[in-house]
C-alpha atoms as a PDB file:
ATOM      1  CA  MET A   1      10.704  80.055  52.076  1.00  0.00           C
ATOM      2  CA  GLY A   2      13.300  81.561  49.758  1.00  0.00           C
ATOM      3  CA  LEU A   3      15.830  78.874  50.679  1.00  0.00           C
ATOM      4  CA  LEU A   4      13.305  76.129  49.970  1.00  0.00           C
ATOM      5  CA  ALA A   5      12.494  77.739  46.594  1.00  0.00           C
ATOM      6  CA  PHE A   6      16.228  77.975  45.781  1.00  0.00           C
ATOM      7  CA  PHE A   7      16.660  74.294  46.593  1.00  0.00           C
ATOM      8  CA  LEU A   8      13.809  73.282  44.285  1.00  0.00           C
ATOM      9  CA  VAL A   9      14.982  75.466  41.434  1.00  0.00           C
ATOM     10  CA  THR A  10      18.557  74.175  41.608  1.00  0.00           C
ATOM     11  CA  LEU A  11      17.275  70.603  41.844  1.00  0.00           C
ATOM     12  CA  PHE A  12      15.103  71.168  38.736  1.00  0.00           C
ATOM     13  CA  ILE A  13      18.066  72.663  36.766  1.00  0.00           C
ATOM     14  CA  TYR A  14      20.357  69.822  37.875  1.00  0.00           C
ATOM     15  CA  TYR A  15      18.045  67.088  36.636  1.00  0.00           C
ATOM     16  CA  TRP A  16      16.326  68.577  33.575  1.00  0.00           C
ATOM     17  CA  PHE A  17      18.869  70.816  31.845  1.00  0.00           C
ATOM     18  CA  PRO A  18      22.065  69.635  30.154  1.00  0.00           C
ATOM     19  CA  VAL A  19      24.929  71.435  31.930  1.00  0.00           C
ATOM     20  CA  ARG A  20      28.659  70.941  31.887  1.00  0.00           C
ATOM     21  CA  VAL A  21      30.438  68.815  34.472  1.00  0.00           C
ATOM     22  CA  GLY A  22      31.939  71.733  36.398  1.00  0.00           C
ATOM     23  CA  LEU A  23      28.615  73.522  36.697  1.00  0.00           C
ATOM     24  CA  LYS A  24      26.893  70.249  37.544  1.00  0.00           C
ATOM     25  CA  THR A  25      29.315  69.708  40.465  1.00  0.00           C
ATOM     26  CA  PHE A  26      28.702  73.254  41.684  1.00  0.00           C
ATOM     27  CA  LEU A  27      24.923  72.753  41.431  1.00  0.00           C
ATOM     28  CA  LEU A  28      25.204  69.493  43.358  1.00  0.00           C
ATOM     29  CA  ILE A  29      27.054  71.253  46.197  1.00  0.00           C
ATOM     30  CA  LEU A  30      24.427  74.008  46.208  1.00  0.00           C
ATOM     31  CA  ILE A  31      21.650  71.408  46.325  1.00  0.00           C
ATOM     32  CA  MET A  32      23.246  69.575  49.230  1.00  0.00           C
ATOM     33  CA  VAL A  33      23.804  72.698  51.327  1.00  0.00           C
ATOM     34  CA  SER A  34      20.441  74.315  50.553  1.00  0.00           C
ATOM     35  CA  GLY A  35      18.617  71.046  50.990  1.00  0.00           C
ATOM     36  CA  TRP A  36      20.146  70.538  54.428  1.00  0.00           C
ATOM     37  CA  LEU A  37      19.178  74.042  55.456  1.00  0.00           C
ATOM     38  CA  SER A  38      15.711  73.633  53.966  1.00  0.00           C
ATOM     39  CA  ILE A  39      15.070  70.809  56.392  1.00  0.00           C
ATOM     40  CA  PHE A  40      15.562  73.213  59.260  1.00  0.00           C
ATOM     41  CA  GLU A  41      13.321  75.743  57.541  1.00  0.00           C
ATOM     42  CA  ILE A  42      10.511  73.211  57.121  1.00  0.00           C
ATOM     43  CA  VAL A  43      10.779  72.168  60.745  1.00  0.00           C
ATOM     44  CA  SER A  44      10.646  75.760  61.936  1.00  0.00           C
ATOM     45  CA  ILE A  45       7.563  76.402  59.785  1.00  0.00           C
ATOM     46  CA  LEU A  46       5.839  73.310  61.227  1.00  0.00           C
ATOM     47  CA  GLU A  47       6.770  74.362  64.799  1.00  0.00           C
ATOM     48  CA  ALA A  48       5.345  77.837  64.258  1.00  0.00           C
ATOM     49  CA  ARG A  49       2.149  76.614  62.602  1.00  0.00           C
ATOM     50  CA  PRO A  50       1.376  72.998  63.662  1.00  0.00           C
ATOM     51  CA  TRP A  51      -1.979  73.082  61.846  1.00  0.00           C
ATOM     52  CA  VAL A  52      -0.071  73.176  58.547  1.00  0.00           C
ATOM     53  CA  ALA A  53       1.388  69.667  59.164  1.00  0.00           C
ATOM     54  CA  ALA A  54      -1.924  67.780  58.754  1.00  0.00           C
ATOM     55  CA  PRO A  55      -2.740  68.828  55.141  1.00  0.00           C
ATOM     56  CA  LEU A  56       0.935  68.522  54.198  1.00  0.00           C
ATOM     57  CA  LEU A  57       1.183  65.000  55.530  1.00  0.00           C
ATOM     58  CA  LEU A  58      -2.115  64.145  53.899  1.00  0.00           C
ATOM     59  CA  ILE A  59      -0.864  65.267  50.488  1.00  0.00           C
ATOM     60  CA  ILE A  60       2.447  63.399  50.915  1.00  0.00           C
ATOM     61  CA  GLY A  61       0.590  60.266  51.988  1.00  0.00           C
ATOM     62  CA  LEU A  62      -1.744  60.510  48.980  1.00  0.00           C
ATOM     63  CA  ILE A  63       1.200  60.830  46.607  1.00  0.00           C
ATOM     64  CA  VAL A  64       2.989  57.830  48.135  1.00  0.00           C
ATOM     65  CA  TRP A  65      -0.204  55.778  48.111  1.00  0.00           C
ATOM     66  CA  LYS A  66      -0.850  56.471  44.406  1.00  0.00           C
ATOM     67  CA  TRP A  67       2.773  55.788  43.497  1.00  0.00           C
ATOM     68  CA  ARG A  68       2.721  52.404  45.300  1.00  0.00           C
ATOM     69  CA  ARG A  69      -0.633  51.500  43.798  1.00  0.00           C
ATOM     70  CA  ASP A  70       0.596  52.241  40.256  1.00  0.00           C
ATOM     71  CA  ARG A  71       3.757  50.258  40.883  1.00  0.00           C
ATOM     72  CA  ASN A  72       1.817  47.244  42.127  1.00  0.00           C
ATOM     73  CA  ARG A  73      -0.504  47.381  39.121  1.00  0.00           C
ATOM     74  CA  GLN A  74       2.477  47.443  36.792  1.00  0.00           C
ATOM     75  CA  GLU A  75       4.057  44.455  38.550  1.00  0.00           C
ATOM     76  CA  LYS A  76       0.812  42.454  38.366  1.00  0.00           C
ATOM     77  CA  SER A  77       0.312  43.197  34.634  1.00  0.00           C
ATOM     78  CA  VAL A  78       3.794  41.957  33.718  1.00  0.00           C
END
């Protein structure tokens, strides 16, 4: 879980804080490496506890559904 948290924190810093180009490149490398390793961590968590996948997929599906619904409403209003 620490690797996943590290990935999310570095992603947040990369997008929301103004940092210099050298540091931004370093953060991008850290994001790519920790993001790749976080995929394996998420898969291992889901293999150890398969009952966790259903609520997680439900939340992701709800977010995607609301995002697409809002996008369609904006397109229809224009």
